[in-house]
Amino acid sequence: MILFLSLLSQAVTIYTYALIVYILMSWVPSIQQSTIGVFLGRICEPYLSIFRKIIPPLGMIDISPIVAIFTLQLAMNGVAYLLLAFI
């Protein structure tokens, strides 16, 4: 059980870093057209689109990625708590 929790935590951490890199890449549109940018777009955009439907941008600022990362971390902590409660 601990091994599963450790692997899940590492996967969530890697995905969080991928989200941060994808968000930072949005500041330079030419980078998003690269192979890495397209790959990150394929794995990050489905998750971010959920929050973009709910939270409209505030002028030029899109806070939905912040909420998405916060939600991902909150869900990971909740799953960890539930799994450790049954050990």
C-alpha atoms as a PDB file:
ATOM      1  CA  MET A   1       0.000   0.000   0.000  1.00  0.00           C
ATOM      2  CA  ILE A   2       2.837   2.371   0.837  1.00  0.00           C
ATOM      3  CA  LEU A   3       4.476   1.589  -2.506  1.00  0.00           C
ATOM      4  CA  PHE A   4       1.250   2.463  -4.354  1.00  0.00           C
ATOM      5  CA  LEU A   5       0.952   5.706  -2.424  1.00  0.00           C
ATOM      6  CA  SER A   6       4.566   6.581  -3.162  1.00  0.00           C
ATOM      7  CA  LEU A   7       4.137   5.914  -6.900  1.00  0.00           C
ATOM      8  CA  LEU A   8       0.910   7.914  -6.979  1.00  0.00           C
ATOM      9  CA  SER A   9       2.568  10.799  -5.181  1.00  0.00           C
ATOM     10  CA  GLN A  10       5.468  10.810  -7.638  1.00  0.00           C
ATOM     11  CA  ALA A  11       3.071  10.714 -10.601  1.00  0.00           C
ATOM     12  CA  VAL A  12       1.103  13.665  -9.225  1.00  0.00           C
ATOM     13  CA  THR A  13       4.335  15.582  -8.621  1.00  0.00           C
ATOM     14  CA  ILE A  14       5.518  14.965 -12.186  1.00  0.00           C
ATOM     15  CA  TYR A  15       2.124  16.011 -13.556  1.00  0.00           C
ATOM     16  CA  THR A  16       2.195  19.170 -11.424  1.00  0.00           C
ATOM     17  CA  TYR A  17       5.617  20.051 -12.850  1.00  0.00           C
ATOM     18  CA  ALA A  18       4.285  19.377 -16.359  1.00  0.00           C
ATOM     19  CA  LEU A  19       1.391  21.768 -15.689  1.00  0.00           C
ATOM     20  CA  ILE A  20       3.767  24.467 -14.447  1.00  0.00           C
ATOM     21  CA  VAL A  21       6.026  24.105 -17.483  1.00  0.00           C
ATOM     22  CA  TYR A  22       3.006  24.196 -19.804  1.00  0.00           C
ATOM     23  CA  ILE A  23       1.712  27.346 -18.123  1.00  0.00           C
ATOM     24  CA  LEU A  24       5.094  29.039 -18.399  1.00  0.00           C
ATOM     25  CA  MET A  25       5.329  27.980 -22.059  1.00  0.00           C
ATOM     26  CA  SER A  26       2.122  29.880 -22.762  1.00  0.00           C
ATOM     27  CA  TRP A  27       4.062  33.133 -22.338  1.00  0.00           C
ATOM     28  CA  VAL A  28       6.125  32.279 -25.446  1.00  0.00           C
ATOM     29  CA  PRO A  29       3.791  30.966 -28.176  1.00  0.00           C
ATOM     30  CA  SER A  30       6.612  29.763 -30.428  1.00  0.00           C
ATOM     31  CA  ILE A  31       7.700  27.288 -27.751  1.00  0.00           C
ATOM     32  CA  GLN A  32       4.201  25.788 -27.653  1.00  0.00           C
ATOM     33  CA  GLN A  33       4.568  24.810 -31.306  1.00  0.00           C
ATOM     34  CA  SER A  34       7.613  22.635 -30.525  1.00  0.00           C
ATOM     35  CA  THR A  35       7.389  18.889 -30.014  1.00  0.00           C
ATOM     36  CA  ILE A  36       7.555  19.245 -26.238  1.00  0.00           C
ATOM     37  CA  GLY A  37       4.901  21.964 -26.299  1.00  0.00           C
ATOM     38  CA  VAL A  38       2.515  19.824 -28.345  1.00  0.00           C
ATOM     39  CA  PHE A  39       3.107  16.841 -26.034  1.00  0.00           C
ATOM     40  CA  LEU A  40       2.475  18.910 -22.911  1.00  0.00           C
ATOM     41  CA  GLY A  41      -0.615  20.386 -24.533  1.00  0.00           C
ATOM     42  CA  ARG A  42      -2.014  16.912 -25.100  1.00  0.00           C
ATOM     43  CA  ILE A  43      -1.552  15.842 -21.506  1.00  0.00           C
ATOM     44  CA  CYS A  44      -2.290  19.128 -19.710  1.00  0.00           C
ATOM     45  CA  GLU A  45      -5.057  20.754 -21.736  1.00  0.00           C
ATOM     46  CA  PRO A  46      -7.805  18.170 -20.977  1.00  0.00           C
ATOM     47  CA  TYR A  47      -7.336  18.712 -17.239  1.00  0.00           C
ATOM     48  CA  LEU A  48      -7.028  22.491 -17.503  1.00  0.00           C
ATOM     49  CA  SER A  49     -10.078  22.787 -19.766  1.00  0.00           C
ATOM     50  CA  ILE A  50     -12.295  21.536 -16.928  1.00  0.00           C
ATOM     51  CA  PHE A  51     -11.294  24.518 -14.808  1.00  0.00           C
ATOM     52  CA  ARG A  52     -11.355  26.987 -17.704  1.00  0.00           C
ATOM     53  CA  LYS A  53     -15.037  26.155 -18.252  1.00  0.00           C
ATOM     54  CA  ILE A  54     -15.823  26.940 -14.621  1.00  0.00           C
ATOM     55  CA  ILE A  55     -13.516  29.905 -13.917  1.00  0.00           C
ATOM     56  CA  PRO A  56     -13.546  32.731 -16.460  1.00  0.00           C
ATOM     57  CA  PRO A  57     -10.352  34.730 -16.999  1.00  0.00           C
ATOM     58  CA  LEU A  58     -10.042  37.961 -15.063  1.00  0.00           C
ATOM     59  CA  GLY A  59      -9.071  40.326 -17.855  1.00  0.00           C
ATOM     60  CA  MET A  60      -5.720  39.104 -19.151  1.00  0.00           C
ATOM     61  CA  ILE A  61      -5.114  36.845 -16.138  1.00  0.00           C
ATOM     62  CA  ASP A  62      -6.218  33.221 -16.149  1.00  0.00           C
ATOM     63  CA  ILE A  63      -6.305  31.858 -12.604  1.00  0.00           C
ATOM     64  CA  SER A  64      -7.733  28.470 -13.567  1.00  0.00           C
ATOM     65  CA  PRO A  65      -4.276  26.783 -13.672  1.00  0.00           C
ATOM     66  CA  ILE A  66      -3.658  27.848 -10.076  1.00  0.00           C
ATOM     67  CA  VAL A  67      -6.979  26.352  -9.017  1.00  0.00           C
ATOM     68  CA  ALA A  68      -6.226  23.206 -11.059  1.00  0.00           C
ATOM     69  CA  ILE A  69      -2.870  22.674  -9.348  1.00  0.00           C
ATOM     70  CA  PHE A  70      -4.377  23.386  -5.933  1.00  0.00           C
ATOM     71  CA  THR A  71      -7.181  20.879  -6.609  1.00  0.00           C
ATOM     72  CA  LEU A  72      -4.714  18.240  -7.784  1.00  0.00           C
ATOM     73  CA  GLN A  73      -2.636  18.627  -4.624  1.00  0.00           C
ATOM     74  CA  LEU A  74      -5.738  18.617  -2.432  1.00  0.00           C
ATOM     75  CA  ALA A  75      -6.993  15.416  -4.078  1.00  0.00           C
ATOM     76  CA  MET A  76      -3.593  13.771  -3.612  1.00  0.00           C
ATOM     77  CA  ASN A  77      -3.559  14.672   0.071  1.00  0.00           C
ATOM     78  CA  GLY A  78      -7.097  13.327   0.468  1.00  0.00           C
ATOM     79  CA  VAL A  79      -6.238  10.020  -1.192  1.00  0.00           C
ATOM     80  CA  ALA A  80      -3.092   9.714   0.925  1.00  0.00           C
ATOM     81  CA  TYR A  81      -5.083  10.356   4.089  1.00  0.00           C
ATOM     82  CA  LEU A  82      -7.693   7.761   3.156  1.00  0.00           C
ATOM     83  CA  LEU A  83      -5.124   5.131   2.242  1.00  0.00           C
ATOM     84  CA  LEU A  84      -3.056   5.703   5.374  1.00  0.00           C
ATOM     85  CA  ALA A  85      -6.197   5.596   7.538  1.00  0.00           C
ATOM     86  CA  PHE A  86      -6.820   1.984   6.475  1.00  0.00           C
ATOM     87  CA  ILE A  87      -3.299   0.764   7.219  1.00  0.00           C
END
